[in-house]
Amino acid sequence: MYLSKEVKEGIFKKHGKSAADTGSPEGQIALFSHRIQHLSDHLKSNKKDFNTERSLVRLVGKRRNLLDYLKAKDIERYRAIIKELGLRK
């Protein structure tokens, strides 16, 4: 599987407060970004995989909602995660 326990812990350790902090918006946004990148790569070689395409669109929407939440709560944390992950609106 592309997303093992160690990979998830590494993402949460790098972007959250700790490896066990799975609820922070920054950690979830980083995890969604990792999954979005994986699905995008998959769709480049499997253009007719419409179920994966739907999953990708849903993940992008979830990440956008979390980014909007973080922007409303704390603009500095929002700017930091955007810069760190290289996202754009």
C-alpha atoms as a PDB file:
ATOM      1  CA  MET A   1       0.000   0.000   0.000  1.00  0.00           C
ATOM      2  CA  TYR A   2       1.260   3.464  -0.854  1.00  0.00           C
ATOM      3  CA  LEU A   3       0.348   4.958   2.519  1.00  0.00           C
ATOM      4  CA  SER A   4       1.900   2.844   5.257  1.00  0.00           C
ATOM      5  CA  LYS A   5       1.760   3.580   8.953  1.00  0.00           C
ATOM      6  CA  GLU A   6       5.315   4.923   8.920  1.00  0.00           C
ATOM      7  CA  VAL A   7       4.564   7.338   6.067  1.00  0.00           C
ATOM      8  CA  LYS A   8       1.501   8.686   7.898  1.00  0.00           C
ATOM      9  CA  GLU A   9       3.469   9.123  11.129  1.00  0.00           C
ATOM     10  CA  GLY A  10       6.170  10.983   9.215  1.00  0.00           C
ATOM     11  CA  ILE A  11       3.629  13.337   7.663  1.00  0.00           C
ATOM     12  CA  PHE A  12       1.973  14.062  11.000  1.00  0.00           C
ATOM     13  CA  LYS A  13       5.325  14.474  12.756  1.00  0.00           C
ATOM     14  CA  LYS A  14       6.516  16.962  10.147  1.00  0.00           C
ATOM     15  CA  HIS A  15       3.322  19.016   9.815  1.00  0.00           C
ATOM     16  CA  GLY A  16       1.483  18.410  13.093  1.00  0.00           C
ATOM     17  CA  LYS A  17       2.575  18.815  16.674  1.00  0.00           C
ATOM     18  CA  SER A  18       3.621  15.154  16.999  1.00  0.00           C
ATOM     19  CA  ALA A  19       3.276  11.815  15.240  1.00  0.00           C
ATOM     20  CA  ALA A  20       0.150  11.071  17.289  1.00  0.00           C
ATOM     21  CA  ASP A  21      -1.480  14.445  16.515  1.00  0.00           C
ATOM     22  CA  THR A  22      -3.744  13.274  13.692  1.00  0.00           C
ATOM     23  CA  GLY A  23      -6.471  15.844  14.304  1.00  0.00           C
ATOM     24  CA  SER A  24      -4.636  19.071  13.583  1.00  0.00           C
ATOM     25  CA  PRO A  25      -5.722  20.828  10.375  1.00  0.00           C
ATOM     26  CA  GLU A  26      -2.109  21.124   9.208  1.00  0.00           C
ATOM     27  CA  GLY A  27      -1.547  17.381   9.518  1.00  0.00           C
ATOM     28  CA  GLN A  28      -4.783  16.538   7.742  1.00  0.00           C
ATOM     29  CA  ILE A  29      -4.067  19.011   4.936  1.00  0.00           C
ATOM     30  CA  ALA A  30      -0.599  17.496   4.471  1.00  0.00           C
ATOM     31  CA  LEU A  31      -2.061  13.973   4.413  1.00  0.00           C
ATOM     32  CA  PHE A  32      -4.710  14.983   1.875  1.00  0.00           C
ATOM     33  CA  SER A  33      -2.026  16.631  -0.255  1.00  0.00           C
ATOM     34  CA  HIS A  34       0.025  13.431  -0.237  1.00  0.00           C
ATOM     35  CA  ARG A  35      -3.008  11.386  -1.254  1.00  0.00           C
ATOM     36  CA  ILE A  36      -3.994  13.917  -3.934  1.00  0.00           C
ATOM     37  CA  GLN A  37      -0.515  13.727  -5.447  1.00  0.00           C
ATOM     38  CA  HIS A  38      -0.673   9.923  -5.499  1.00  0.00           C
ATOM     39  CA  LEU A  39      -4.105   9.882  -7.160  1.00  0.00           C
ATOM     40  CA  SER A  40      -3.029  12.506  -9.706  1.00  0.00           C
ATOM     41  CA  ASP A  41      -0.072  10.360 -10.710  1.00  0.00           C
ATOM     42  CA  HIS A  42      -2.352   7.330 -10.985  1.00  0.00           C
ATOM     43  CA  LEU A  43      -4.795   9.190 -13.226  1.00  0.00           C
ATOM     44  CA  LYS A  44      -2.031  10.269 -15.595  1.00  0.00           C
ATOM     45  CA  SER A  45      -1.580   6.648 -16.650  1.00  0.00           C
ATOM     46  CA  ASN A  46      -5.203   5.515 -16.154  1.00  0.00           C
ATOM     47  CA  LYS A  47      -7.277   8.193 -17.823  1.00  0.00           C
ATOM     48  CA  LYS A  48     -10.558   6.267 -17.751  1.00  0.00           C
ATOM     49  CA  ASP A  49     -10.520   5.446 -14.039  1.00  0.00           C
ATOM     50  CA  PHE A  50     -13.559   7.537 -13.174  1.00  0.00           C
ATOM     51  CA  ASN A  51     -13.965   6.213  -9.625  1.00  0.00           C
ATOM     52  CA  THR A  52     -10.488   7.425  -8.751  1.00  0.00           C
ATOM     53  CA  GLU A  53     -11.210  10.727 -10.454  1.00  0.00           C
ATOM     54  CA  ARG A  54     -14.296  11.176  -8.272  1.00  0.00           C
ATOM     55  CA  SER A  55     -12.257  10.338  -5.164  1.00  0.00           C
ATOM     56  CA  LEU A  56      -9.663  12.897  -6.201  1.00  0.00           C
ATOM     57  CA  VAL A  57     -12.281  15.630  -6.584  1.00  0.00           C
ATOM     58  CA  ARG A  58     -13.721  14.793  -3.144  1.00  0.00           C
ATOM     59  CA  LEU A  59     -10.269  14.930  -1.550  1.00  0.00           C
ATOM     60  CA  VAL A  60      -9.538  18.299  -3.131  1.00  0.00           C
ATOM     61  CA  GLY A  61     -12.834  19.585  -1.727  1.00  0.00           C
ATOM     62  CA  LYS A  62     -12.042  18.282   1.755  1.00  0.00           C
ATOM     63  CA  ARG A  63      -8.610  19.894   1.659  1.00  0.00           C
ATOM     64  CA  ARG A  64     -10.134  23.174   0.461  1.00  0.00           C
ATOM     65  CA  ASN A  65     -12.634  23.126   3.356  1.00  0.00           C
ATOM     66  CA  LEU A  66      -9.833  22.547   5.866  1.00  0.00           C
ATOM     67  CA  LEU A  67      -7.798  25.359   4.328  1.00  0.00           C
ATOM     68  CA  ASP A  68     -10.791  27.696   4.536  1.00  0.00           C
ATOM     69  CA  TYR A  69     -11.308  26.713   8.178  1.00  0.00           C
ATOM     70  CA  LEU A  70      -7.658  27.331   9.003  1.00  0.00           C
ATOM     71  CA  LYS A  71      -7.721  30.666   7.169  1.00  0.00           C
ATOM     72  CA  ALA A  72     -10.694  31.803   9.259  1.00  0.00           C
ATOM     73  CA  LYS A  73      -9.198  30.589  12.562  1.00  0.00           C
ATOM     74  CA  ASP A  74      -5.525  31.551  12.243  1.00  0.00           C
ATOM     75  CA  ILE A  75      -4.205  33.257   9.121  1.00  0.00           C
ATOM     76  CA  GLU A  76      -0.540  32.769  10.103  1.00  0.00           C
ATOM     77  CA  ARG A  77      -0.893  28.988  10.355  1.00  0.00           C
ATOM     78  CA  TYR A  78      -2.732  29.050   7.012  1.00  0.00           C
ATOM     79  CA  ARG A  79       0.075  30.983   5.339  1.00  0.00           C
ATOM     80  CA  ALA A  80       2.696  28.676   6.852  1.00  0.00           C
ATOM     81  CA  ILE A  81       1.051  25.468   5.593  1.00  0.00           C
ATOM     82  CA  ILE A  82       0.439  26.968   2.137  1.00  0.00           C
ATOM     83  CA  LYS A  83       4.096  27.948   1.859  1.00  0.00           C
ATOM     84  CA  GLU A  84       5.377  24.666   3.280  1.00  0.00           C
ATOM     85  CA  LEU A  85       3.321  22.462   0.937  1.00  0.00           C
ATOM     86  CA  GLY A  86       3.600  24.767  -2.068  1.00  0.00           C
ATOM     87  CA  LEU A  87      -0.155  25.057  -2.572  1.00  0.00           C
ATOM     88  CA  ARG A  88      -1.958  27.829  -4.379  1.00  0.00           C
ATOM     89  CA  LYS A  89      -5.557  28.954  -4.332  1.00  0.00           C
END
